[in-house]
Amino acid sequence: MRHKEFYEFGLLPNVHYVAVDTPADVPAAVRFLRANDGYARAVAEAGRARMASLDIAQLSTFMAELLSQYARRQAYKVRPQQGSVRIECEDDLWRHYALSRGWLNNYLTEDNGTCVHVPAHGTALRPPGWGGSYNGSKPRCVASHDLNPIAQPKACNFDHPFSTSESWEPEGAFPKAHPANKEHWADA
């Protein structure tokens, strides 16, 4: 059985695209379409309209099903590594990578619909309010910069940091921001 992408299930042959059985049939199909311009345009327009009708909900549903099936086939138990960060929603990700609150405010969606586990209606959200799993984490400095001599070799100098919105915590420890950071990220 041939694998199908999620959007292919809504496409009908010779309605949304022109079907051919083998690559050898392509030249004849092209000649047919050139001779039947009205039909070719109708198929092209129907295909464009179908693809334009796809939305993020359809993609999300497909990806959730794909990952669920993949997870059922795994032979080992997945466990987070010590010091890893839980990202539940899009806003959790923005908070984790934000360099400043001003920067962060340009990207927050304040939409719990992006959450992996959407809070039930009426659930009292804990700070920060949107998202809910974020608790002040920051990317590790060594993961954020190219420390090669020709790039940013001094970016992760703890005493003179390139940015205090990064973590200097060792692997295995929770990656909180540099002690000099004044943003109070746990409340972001």
N, C-alpha and C. Protein backbone atom coordinates (compact mmCIF):
# COMPACT_ATOMS: atom_id res chain seq x y z
N MET A 1 0.84 -1.19 0.00
CA MET A 1 0.00 0.00 0.00
C MET A 1 0.88 1.24 0.00
N ARG A 2 0.55 2.19 -0.81
CA ARG A 2 1.29 3.43 -0.91
C ARG A 2 0.88 4.36 0.21
N HIS A 3 1.89 5.01 0.82
CA HIS A 3 1.62 5.98 1.87
C HIS A 3 0.95 7.20 1.26
N LYS A 4 -0.01 7.77 1.98
CA LYS A 4 -0.65 9.00 1.54
C LYS A 4 -0.43 10.09 2.58
N GLU A 5 -0.19 11.29 2.11
CA GLU A 5 -0.13 12.44 2.99
C GLU A 5 -1.56 12.79 3.41
N PHE A 6 -1.69 13.52 4.51
CA PHE A 6 -3.04 13.78 5.05
C PHE A 6 -3.93 14.51 4.07
N TYR A 7 -3.37 15.38 3.24
CA TYR A 7 -4.19 16.17 2.33
C TYR A 7 -4.62 15.37 1.10
N GLU A 8 -3.97 14.24 0.84
CA GLU A 8 -4.30 13.45 -0.35
C GLU A 8 -5.65 12.77 -0.25
N PHE A 9 -6.15 12.52 0.96
CA PHE A 9 -7.41 11.81 1.11
C PHE A 9 -8.59 12.62 0.58
N GLY A 10 -8.47 13.92 0.52
CA GLY A 10 -9.55 14.75 0.00
C GLY A 10 -9.40 15.10 -1.47
N LEU A 11 -8.37 14.59 -2.13
CA LEU A 11 -8.15 14.88 -3.54
C LEU A 11 -8.70 13.75 -4.40
N LEU A 12 -9.45 14.10 -5.41
CA LEU A 12 -10.03 13.10 -6.31
C LEU A 12 -9.31 13.14 -7.65
N PRO A 13 -8.93 11.96 -8.17
CA PRO A 13 -8.25 11.95 -9.46
C PRO A 13 -9.15 12.49 -10.57
N ASN A 14 -8.56 13.26 -11.46
CA ASN A 14 -9.22 13.89 -12.60
C ASN A 14 -10.28 14.91 -12.20
N VAL A 15 -10.32 15.25 -10.92
CA VAL A 15 -11.14 16.36 -10.44
C VAL A 15 -10.20 17.44 -9.88
N HIS A 16 -9.31 17.03 -8.97
CA HIS A 16 -8.35 17.95 -8.35
C HIS A 16 -6.96 17.84 -8.96
N TYR A 17 -6.68 16.77 -9.66
CA TYR A 17 -5.41 16.55 -10.35
C TYR A 17 -5.64 15.55 -11.48
N VAL A 18 -4.74 15.52 -12.41
CA VAL A 18 -4.84 14.57 -13.52
C VAL A 18 -4.02 13.35 -13.17
N ALA A 19 -4.67 12.19 -13.16
CA ALA A 19 -4.01 10.94 -12.79
C ALA A 19 -3.40 10.26 -14.00
N VAL A 20 -2.21 9.70 -13.81
CA VAL A 20 -1.58 8.86 -14.81
C VAL A 20 -1.11 7.59 -14.11
N ASP A 21 -1.07 6.48 -14.83
CA ASP A 21 -0.68 5.21 -14.23
C ASP A 21 0.83 5.05 -14.13
N THR A 22 1.53 5.50 -15.15
CA THR A 22 2.99 5.34 -15.17
C THR A 22 3.62 6.62 -15.69
N PRO A 23 4.90 6.81 -15.42
CA PRO A 23 5.59 8.00 -15.97
C PRO A 23 5.51 8.05 -17.49
N ALA A 24 5.44 6.91 -18.14
CA ALA A 24 5.36 6.88 -19.60
C ALA A 24 4.07 7.51 -20.12
N ASP A 25 3.02 7.58 -19.26
CA ASP A 25 1.73 8.16 -19.66
C ASP A 25 1.69 9.68 -19.57
N VAL A 26 2.71 10.30 -18.97
CA VAL A 26 2.70 11.76 -18.76
C VAL A 26 2.65 12.53 -20.08
N PRO A 27 3.47 12.21 -21.10
CA PRO A 27 3.40 12.99 -22.35
C PRO A 27 2.01 12.99 -22.98
N ALA A 28 1.34 11.84 -22.97
CA ALA A 28 0.00 11.77 -23.55
C ALA A 28 -0.98 12.61 -22.74
N ALA A 29 -0.83 12.61 -21.41
CA ALA A 29 -1.71 13.41 -20.55
C ALA A 29 -1.50 14.90 -20.82
N VAL A 30 -0.25 15.30 -21.01
CA VAL A 30 0.04 16.71 -21.30
C VAL A 30 -0.57 17.11 -22.65
N ARG A 31 -0.43 16.25 -23.65
CA ARG A 31 -1.04 16.53 -24.96
C ARG A 31 -2.55 16.67 -24.82
N PHE A 32 -3.18 15.78 -24.05
CA PHE A 32 -4.63 15.83 -23.84
C PHE A 32 -5.03 17.16 -23.18
N LEU A 33 -4.29 17.57 -22.15
CA LEU A 33 -4.62 18.81 -21.45
C LEU A 33 -4.44 20.04 -22.33
N ARG A 34 -3.40 20.02 -23.18
CA ARG A 34 -3.20 21.15 -24.11
C ARG A 34 -4.33 21.24 -25.12
N ALA A 35 -4.86 20.09 -25.50
CA ALA A 35 -5.97 20.07 -26.47
C ALA A 35 -7.31 20.40 -25.82
N ASN A 36 -7.40 20.28 -24.50
CA ASN A 36 -8.65 20.50 -23.76
C ASN A 36 -8.42 21.54 -22.66
N ASP A 37 -8.19 22.76 -23.07
CA ASP A 37 -7.80 23.83 -22.15
C ASP A 37 -8.85 24.09 -21.06
N GLY A 38 -10.12 24.03 -21.40
CA GLY A 38 -11.17 24.27 -20.41
C GLY A 38 -11.13 23.24 -19.29
N TYR A 39 -10.97 21.98 -19.67
CA TYR A 39 -10.87 20.90 -18.68
C TYR A 39 -9.61 21.09 -17.82
N ALA A 40 -8.48 21.41 -18.45
CA ALA A 40 -7.23 21.61 -17.72
C ALA A 40 -7.38 22.73 -16.70
N ARG A 41 -8.00 23.83 -17.10
CA ARG A 41 -8.20 24.95 -16.18
C ARG A 41 -9.13 24.58 -15.03
N ALA A 42 -10.17 23.82 -15.33
CA ALA A 42 -11.13 23.40 -14.28
C ALA A 42 -10.44 22.51 -13.25
N VAL A 43 -9.62 21.58 -13.70
CA VAL A 43 -8.89 20.70 -12.78
C VAL A 43 -7.92 21.52 -11.94
N ALA A 44 -7.19 22.42 -12.60
CA ALA A 44 -6.23 23.26 -11.86
C ALA A 44 -6.93 24.10 -10.81
N GLU A 45 -8.06 24.69 -11.16
CA GLU A 45 -8.79 25.53 -10.20
C GLU A 45 -9.35 24.70 -9.05
N ALA A 46 -9.89 23.53 -9.34
CA ALA A 46 -10.42 22.65 -8.29
C ALA A 46 -9.29 22.21 -7.35
N GLY A 47 -8.13 21.90 -7.89
CA GLY A 47 -6.98 21.51 -7.06
C GLY A 47 -6.52 22.64 -6.17
N ARG A 48 -6.44 23.85 -6.74
CA ARG A 48 -6.05 25.03 -5.94
C ARG A 48 -7.06 25.29 -4.83
N ALA A 49 -8.33 25.20 -5.15
CA ALA A 49 -9.37 25.46 -4.14
C ALA A 49 -9.31 24.43 -3.02
N ARG A 50 -9.10 23.16 -3.36
CA ARG A 50 -9.01 22.12 -2.32
C ARG A 50 -7.81 22.36 -1.41
N MET A 51 -6.67 22.66 -1.98
CA MET A 51 -5.47 22.90 -1.17
C MET A 51 -5.62 24.16 -0.32
N ALA A 52 -6.30 25.17 -0.84
CA ALA A 52 -6.52 26.41 -0.08
C ALA A 52 -7.47 26.19 1.08
N SER A 53 -8.31 25.14 1.00
CA SER A 53 -9.29 24.90 2.07
C SER A 53 -8.66 24.21 3.28
N LEU A 54 -7.44 23.72 3.16
CA LEU A 54 -6.79 23.05 4.29
C LEU A 54 -6.49 24.07 5.38
N ASP A 55 -6.59 23.65 6.62
CA ASP A 55 -6.32 24.56 7.72
C ASP A 55 -5.44 23.90 8.77
N ILE A 56 -5.04 24.67 9.75
CA ILE A 56 -4.13 24.19 10.79
C ILE A 56 -4.77 23.09 11.62
N ALA A 57 -6.09 23.10 11.77
CA ALA A 57 -6.76 22.05 12.55
C ALA A 57 -6.60 20.69 11.86
N GLN A 58 -6.73 20.66 10.53
CA GLN A 58 -6.56 19.41 9.81
C GLN A 58 -5.12 18.90 9.94
N LEU A 59 -4.17 19.80 9.80
CA LEU A 59 -2.77 19.41 9.94
C LEU A 59 -2.49 18.92 11.37
N SER A 60 -3.02 19.61 12.36
CA SER A 60 -2.81 19.22 13.75
C SER A 60 -3.42 17.85 14.04
N THR A 61 -4.61 17.61 13.52
CA THR A 61 -5.26 16.31 13.72
C THR A 61 -4.44 15.20 13.08
N PHE A 62 -3.96 15.44 11.87
CA PHE A 62 -3.14 14.44 11.19
C PHE A 62 -1.86 14.16 11.97
N MET A 63 -1.17 15.22 12.41
CA MET A 63 0.10 15.04 13.13
C MET A 63 -0.14 14.34 14.47
N ALA A 64 -1.22 14.66 15.17
CA ALA A 64 -1.53 14.00 16.44
C ALA A 64 -1.74 12.50 16.22
N GLU A 65 -2.48 12.15 15.18
CA GLU A 65 -2.71 10.73 14.88
C GLU A 65 -1.42 10.04 14.47
N LEU A 66 -0.62 10.69 13.65
CA LEU A 66 0.64 10.12 13.20
C LEU A 66 1.58 9.86 14.39
N LEU A 67 1.72 10.84 15.27
CA LEU A 67 2.61 10.69 16.42
C LEU A 67 2.05 9.67 17.42
N SER A 68 0.73 9.59 17.56
CA SER A 68 0.13 8.59 18.45
C SER A 68 0.41 7.18 17.94
N GLN A 69 0.26 6.98 16.63
CA GLN A 69 0.55 5.65 16.07
C GLN A 69 2.03 5.32 16.23
N TYR A 70 2.88 6.29 16.01
CA TYR A 70 4.32 6.09 16.17
C TYR A 70 4.64 5.72 17.63
N ALA A 71 4.03 6.43 18.58
CA ALA A 71 4.30 6.17 20.00
C ALA A 71 3.88 4.75 20.39
N ARG A 72 2.76 4.27 19.83
CA ARG A 72 2.31 2.91 20.15
C ARG A 72 3.31 1.84 19.68
N ARG A 73 4.10 2.17 18.69
CA ARG A 73 5.07 1.21 18.14
C ARG A 73 6.42 1.25 18.86
N GLN A 74 6.64 2.25 19.69
CA GLN A 74 7.92 2.34 20.38
C GLN A 74 8.05 1.21 21.39
N ALA A 75 9.25 0.65 21.45
CA ALA A 75 9.50 -0.47 22.35
C ALA A 75 10.05 -0.03 23.70
N TYR A 76 10.30 1.23 23.89
CA TYR A 76 10.87 1.71 25.14
C TYR A 76 10.00 2.82 25.73
N LYS A 77 10.13 3.03 27.00
CA LYS A 77 9.37 4.06 27.70
C LYS A 77 10.13 5.38 27.58
N VAL A 78 9.47 6.40 27.08
CA VAL A 78 10.08 7.71 26.93
C VAL A 78 10.00 8.45 28.26
N ARG A 79 11.13 8.92 28.73
CA ARG A 79 11.19 9.68 29.98
C ARG A 79 11.96 10.97 29.73
N PRO A 80 11.50 12.09 30.29
CA PRO A 80 12.27 13.33 30.10
C PRO A 80 13.63 13.24 30.80
N GLN A 81 14.63 13.84 30.19
CA GLN A 81 15.94 13.89 30.81
C GLN A 81 15.91 14.86 31.98
N GLN A 82 16.76 14.61 32.95
CA GLN A 82 16.87 15.52 34.09
C GLN A 82 17.28 16.90 33.56
N GLY A 83 16.60 17.93 34.02
CA GLY A 83 16.89 19.29 33.58
C GLY A 83 16.16 19.70 32.31
N SER A 84 15.34 18.78 31.73
CA SER A 84 14.62 19.14 30.52
C SER A 84 13.45 20.06 30.86
N VAL A 85 12.90 20.69 29.85
CA VAL A 85 11.86 21.70 30.03
C VAL A 85 10.59 21.23 29.34
N ARG A 86 9.46 21.35 30.02
CA ARG A 86 8.17 20.96 29.42
C ARG A 86 7.62 22.16 28.64
N ILE A 87 7.33 21.92 27.37
CA ILE A 87 6.70 22.93 26.52
C ILE A 87 5.34 22.37 26.13
N GLU A 88 4.29 22.98 26.62
CA GLU A 88 2.93 22.50 26.42
C GLU A 88 2.25 23.25 25.28
N CYS A 89 2.50 24.56 25.18
CA CYS A 89 1.78 25.41 24.22
C CYS A 89 2.77 26.32 23.49
N GLU A 90 2.28 26.94 22.43
CA GLU A 90 3.11 27.86 21.66
C GLU A 90 3.67 28.97 22.55
N ASP A 91 2.85 29.52 23.44
CA ASP A 91 3.32 30.61 24.30
C ASP A 91 4.41 30.14 25.26
N ASP A 92 4.38 28.89 25.70
CA ASP A 92 5.46 28.37 26.55
C ASP A 92 6.78 28.42 25.80
N LEU A 93 6.74 28.09 24.52
CA LEU A 93 7.95 28.11 23.71
C LEU A 93 8.47 29.53 23.55
N TRP A 94 7.58 30.49 23.29
CA TRP A 94 8.00 31.89 23.16
C TRP A 94 8.61 32.40 24.46
N ARG A 95 8.01 32.05 25.59
CA ARG A 95 8.55 32.49 26.87
C ARG A 95 9.94 31.92 27.11
N HIS A 96 10.13 30.66 26.74
CA HIS A 96 11.42 30.00 26.95
C HIS A 96 12.53 30.71 26.17
N TYR A 97 12.27 31.10 24.93
CA TYR A 97 13.31 31.68 24.07
C TYR A 97 13.39 33.20 24.09
N ALA A 98 12.44 33.87 24.72
CA ALA A 98 12.42 35.34 24.72
C ALA A 98 13.66 35.93 25.38
N LEU A 99 14.19 36.99 24.79
CA LEU A 99 15.36 37.69 25.35
C LEU A 99 14.93 38.81 26.29
N SER A 100 13.72 39.33 26.09
CA SER A 100 13.22 40.40 26.95
C SER A 100 11.69 40.35 26.93
N ARG A 101 11.07 41.02 27.88
CA ARG A 101 9.60 41.06 27.92
C ARG A 101 9.05 41.82 26.72
N GLY A 102 9.76 42.89 26.32
CA GLY A 102 9.32 43.64 25.14
C GLY A 102 9.29 42.76 23.90
N TRP A 103 10.33 41.98 23.73
CA TRP A 103 10.40 41.05 22.60
C TRP A 103 9.28 40.02 22.71
N LEU A 104 9.10 39.49 23.92
CA LEU A 104 8.09 38.46 24.16
C LEU A 104 6.69 38.95 23.80
N ASN A 105 6.37 40.17 24.17
CA ASN A 105 5.03 40.70 23.93
C ASN A 105 4.67 40.79 22.45
N ASN A 106 5.68 40.80 21.57
CA ASN A 106 5.41 40.83 20.14
C ASN A 106 4.98 39.47 19.60
N TYR A 107 5.19 38.41 20.37
CA TYR A 107 4.97 37.07 19.85
C TYR A 107 3.92 36.25 20.58
N LEU A 108 3.53 36.62 21.79
CA LEU A 108 2.54 35.84 22.53
C LEU A 108 1.23 35.77 21.77
N THR A 109 0.64 34.59 21.72
CA THR A 109 -0.65 34.43 21.04
C THR A 109 -1.81 34.49 22.02
N GLU A 110 -1.54 34.18 23.29
CA GLU A 110 -2.58 34.10 24.32
C GLU A 110 -3.75 33.26 23.82
N ASP A 111 -3.40 32.10 23.27
CA ASP A 111 -4.40 31.19 22.71
C ASP A 111 -4.08 29.77 23.19
N ASN A 112 -4.85 29.28 24.14
CA ASN A 112 -4.61 27.94 24.66
C ASN A 112 -5.00 26.85 23.66
N GLY A 113 -5.56 27.24 22.53
CA GLY A 113 -5.86 26.28 21.49
C GLY A 113 -4.61 25.67 20.88
N THR A 114 -3.45 26.29 21.12
CA THR A 114 -2.19 25.73 20.60
C THR A 114 -1.59 24.71 21.57
N CYS A 115 -2.24 24.46 22.70
CA CYS A 115 -1.68 23.56 23.71
C CYS A 115 -1.81 22.09 23.28
N VAL A 116 -0.84 21.30 23.68
CA VAL A 116 -0.90 19.87 23.45
C VAL A 116 -2.06 19.29 24.24
N HIS A 117 -2.19 19.72 25.48
CA HIS A 117 -3.32 19.33 26.34
C HIS A 117 -4.08 20.60 26.66
N VAL A 118 -5.12 20.88 25.89
CA VAL A 118 -5.88 22.12 26.07
C VAL A 118 -6.59 22.09 27.42
N PRO A 119 -6.44 23.16 28.23
CA PRO A 119 -7.13 23.19 29.52
C PRO A 119 -8.65 23.11 29.33
N ALA A 120 -9.31 22.40 30.21
CA ALA A 120 -10.77 22.29 30.14
C ALA A 120 -11.39 23.67 30.35
N HIS A 121 -12.54 23.89 29.73
CA HIS A 121 -13.24 25.17 29.87
C HIS A 121 -13.52 25.44 31.35
N GLY A 122 -13.21 26.64 31.79
CA GLY A 122 -13.44 27.02 33.17
C GLY A 122 -12.29 26.70 34.11
N THR A 123 -11.23 26.05 33.61
CA THR A 123 -10.07 25.73 34.44
C THR A 123 -9.38 27.02 34.87
N ALA A 124 -9.09 27.13 36.15
CA ALA A 124 -8.34 28.29 36.64
C ALA A 124 -6.89 28.11 36.22
N LEU A 125 -6.39 29.02 35.41
CA LEU A 125 -5.02 28.92 34.91
C LEU A 125 -4.06 29.50 35.94
N ARG A 126 -2.96 28.81 36.17
CA ARG A 126 -1.94 29.32 37.06
C ARG A 126 -1.04 30.26 36.26
N PRO A 127 -0.24 31.08 36.92
CA PRO A 127 0.65 31.96 36.16
C PRO A 127 1.52 31.11 35.23
N PRO A 128 1.79 31.56 34.05
CA PRO A 128 1.56 32.89 33.51
C PRO A 128 0.16 33.10 32.96
N GLY A 129 -0.69 32.11 32.94
CA GLY A 129 -2.06 32.29 32.49
C GLY A 129 -2.33 31.63 31.15
N TRP A 130 -1.54 31.94 30.17
CA TRP A 130 -1.68 31.29 28.88
C TRP A 130 -0.57 30.27 28.76
N GLY A 131 -0.90 29.11 28.31
CA GLY A 131 0.09 28.04 28.23
C GLY A 131 0.00 27.23 29.49
N GLY A 132 0.76 27.60 30.48
CA GLY A 132 0.60 26.97 31.76
C GLY A 132 1.71 26.08 32.22
N SER A 133 2.56 25.56 31.32
CA SER A 133 3.63 24.70 31.79
C SER A 133 4.93 25.47 31.98
N TYR A 134 4.99 26.70 31.49
CA TYR A 134 6.23 27.48 31.59
C TYR A 134 6.51 27.85 33.04
N ASN A 135 7.76 27.69 33.47
CA ASN A 135 8.10 28.06 34.85
C ASN A 135 9.48 28.71 34.96
N GLY A 136 9.81 29.55 33.99
CA GLY A 136 11.02 30.36 34.09
C GLY A 136 12.25 29.81 33.39
N SER A 137 12.10 28.79 32.58
CA SER A 137 13.28 28.20 31.91
C SER A 137 13.83 29.12 30.83
N LYS A 138 15.11 28.96 30.54
CA LYS A 138 15.79 29.69 29.47
C LYS A 138 16.73 28.73 28.76
N PRO A 139 17.00 28.95 27.47
CA PRO A 139 17.94 28.07 26.78
C PRO A 139 19.34 28.21 27.36
N ARG A 140 20.08 27.13 27.39
CA ARG A 140 21.45 27.18 27.91
C ARG A 140 22.32 28.02 26.98
N CYS A 141 23.19 28.83 27.54
CA CYS A 141 24.05 29.71 26.75
C CYS A 141 24.84 28.91 25.72
N VAL A 142 25.39 27.79 26.14
CA VAL A 142 26.22 27.00 25.21
C VAL A 142 25.41 26.45 24.06
N ALA A 143 24.09 26.37 24.18
CA ALA A 143 23.24 25.90 23.10
C ALA A 143 22.79 27.05 22.20
N SER A 144 22.96 28.29 22.65
CA SER A 144 22.46 29.46 21.93
C SER A 144 23.52 30.16 21.08
N HIS A 145 24.79 29.85 21.30
CA HIS A 145 25.84 30.61 20.62
C HIS A 145 26.88 29.69 20.00
N ASP A 146 27.46 30.16 18.92
CA ASP A 146 28.60 29.49 18.31
C ASP A 146 29.85 30.04 19.02
N LEU A 147 30.47 29.23 19.84
CA LEU A 147 31.59 29.69 20.67
C LEU A 147 32.94 29.55 19.98
N ASN A 148 32.95 29.27 18.68
CA ASN A 148 34.21 29.18 17.94
C ASN A 148 34.91 30.54 17.92
N PRO A 149 36.24 30.54 17.81
CA PRO A 149 37.01 31.79 17.85
C PRO A 149 36.56 32.84 16.83
N ILE A 150 36.06 32.43 15.67
CA ILE A 150 35.66 33.42 14.66
C ILE A 150 34.20 33.85 14.82
N ALA A 151 33.48 33.28 15.78
CA ALA A 151 32.06 33.61 15.95
C ALA A 151 31.85 34.42 17.23
N GLN A 152 31.39 33.77 18.29
CA GLN A 152 31.09 34.45 19.56
C GLN A 152 31.82 33.75 20.71
N PRO A 153 33.13 33.75 20.70
CA PRO A 153 33.87 32.95 21.69
C PRO A 153 33.65 33.38 23.14
N LYS A 154 33.27 34.64 23.37
CA LYS A 154 33.12 35.12 24.74
C LYS A 154 31.65 35.30 25.14
N ALA A 155 30.73 34.80 24.32
CA ALA A 155 29.30 35.00 24.58
C ALA A 155 28.86 34.37 25.89
N CYS A 156 29.49 33.29 26.31
CA CYS A 156 29.07 32.59 27.52
C CYS A 156 30.02 32.82 28.69
N ASN A 157 30.56 34.02 28.76
CA ASN A 157 31.39 34.41 29.90
C ASN A 157 30.43 34.79 31.03
N PHE A 158 30.40 34.01 32.09
CA PHE A 158 29.44 34.20 33.17
C PHE A 158 29.54 35.60 33.79
N ASP A 159 30.74 36.12 33.93
CA ASP A 159 30.93 37.43 34.58
C ASP A 159 30.56 38.60 33.66
N HIS A 160 30.64 38.41 32.36
CA HIS A 160 30.29 39.44 31.38
C HIS A 160 29.43 38.80 30.28
N PRO A 161 28.19 38.41 30.61
CA PRO A 161 27.38 37.64 29.65
C PRO A 161 26.93 38.47 28.46
N PHE A 162 26.83 37.80 27.33
CA PHE A 162 26.28 38.40 26.12
C PHE A 162 24.82 38.75 26.36
N SER A 163 24.11 37.88 27.06
CA SER A 163 22.71 38.08 27.41
C SER A 163 22.45 37.40 28.74
N THR A 164 21.71 38.06 29.62
CA THR A 164 21.37 37.42 30.90
C THR A 164 20.08 36.61 30.78
N SER A 165 19.48 36.58 29.59
CA SER A 165 18.26 35.79 29.37
C SER A 165 18.58 34.38 28.93
N GLU A 166 19.75 33.91 29.30
CA GLU A 166 20.14 32.54 29.00
C GLU A 166 20.57 31.87 30.29
N SER A 167 20.67 30.56 30.23
CA SER A 167 21.02 29.80 31.42
C SER A 167 22.48 29.36 31.40
N TRP A 168 23.09 29.42 32.57
CA TRP A 168 24.46 28.91 32.75
C TRP A 168 24.45 27.66 33.63
N GLU A 169 23.26 27.12 33.86
CA GLU A 169 23.15 25.94 34.70
C GLU A 169 23.77 24.74 33.99
N PRO A 170 24.36 23.81 34.74
CA PRO A 170 24.95 22.62 34.11
C PRO A 170 23.87 21.68 33.59
N GLU A 171 24.25 20.80 32.67
CA GLU A 171 23.32 19.77 32.17
C GLU A 171 22.76 19.01 33.37
N GLY A 172 21.49 18.70 33.33
CA GLY A 172 20.85 17.97 34.42
C GLY A 172 20.19 18.88 35.43
N ALA A 173 20.56 20.17 35.45
CA ALA A 173 19.94 21.13 36.37
C ALA A 173 18.89 21.93 35.60
N PHE A 174 17.89 22.44 36.31
CA PHE A 174 16.86 23.25 35.66
C PHE A 174 17.51 24.50 35.06
N PRO A 175 17.25 24.80 33.77
CA PRO A 175 17.92 25.92 33.10
C PRO A 175 17.30 27.29 33.38
N LYS A 176 17.55 27.82 34.58
CA LYS A 176 17.01 29.14 34.92
C LYS A 176 17.92 30.23 34.34
N ALA A 177 17.40 31.44 34.26
CA ALA A 177 18.15 32.57 33.69
C ALA A 177 19.34 32.94 34.57
N HIS A 178 20.27 33.68 33.99
CA HIS A 178 21.46 34.19 34.69
C HIS A 178 21.02 34.96 35.93
N PRO A 179 21.74 34.87 37.05
CA PRO A 179 21.35 35.57 38.28
C PRO A 179 21.21 37.09 38.11
N ALA A 180 21.92 37.68 37.15
CA ALA A 180 21.83 39.14 36.93
C ALA A 180 20.59 39.54 36.14
N ASN A 181 19.83 38.58 35.63
CA ASN A 181 18.65 38.89 34.85
C ASN A 181 17.56 39.45 35.75
N LYS A 182 16.97 40.55 35.37
CA LYS A 182 15.94 41.24 36.19
C LYS A 182 14.52 41.03 35.68
N GLU A 183 14.33 40.15 34.72
CA GLU A 183 13.02 40.00 34.08
C GLU A 183 12.00 39.20 34.87
N HIS A 184 12.41 38.41 35.85
CA HIS A 184 11.48 37.55 36.63
C HIS A 184 10.67 36.66 35.70
N TRP A 185 11.37 35.79 34.97
CA TRP A 185 10.75 34.98 33.94
C TRP A 185 9.70 34.01 34.45
N ALA A 186 9.77 33.59 35.69
CA ALA A 186 8.75 32.66 36.20
C ALA A 186 7.36 33.28 36.19
N ASP A 187 7.29 34.62 36.16
CA ASP A 187 6.00 35.33 36.13
C ASP A 187 5.62 35.75 34.71
N ALA A 188 6.43 35.43 33.71
CA ALA A 188 6.19 35.93 32.34
C ALA A 188 4.93 35.35 31.74
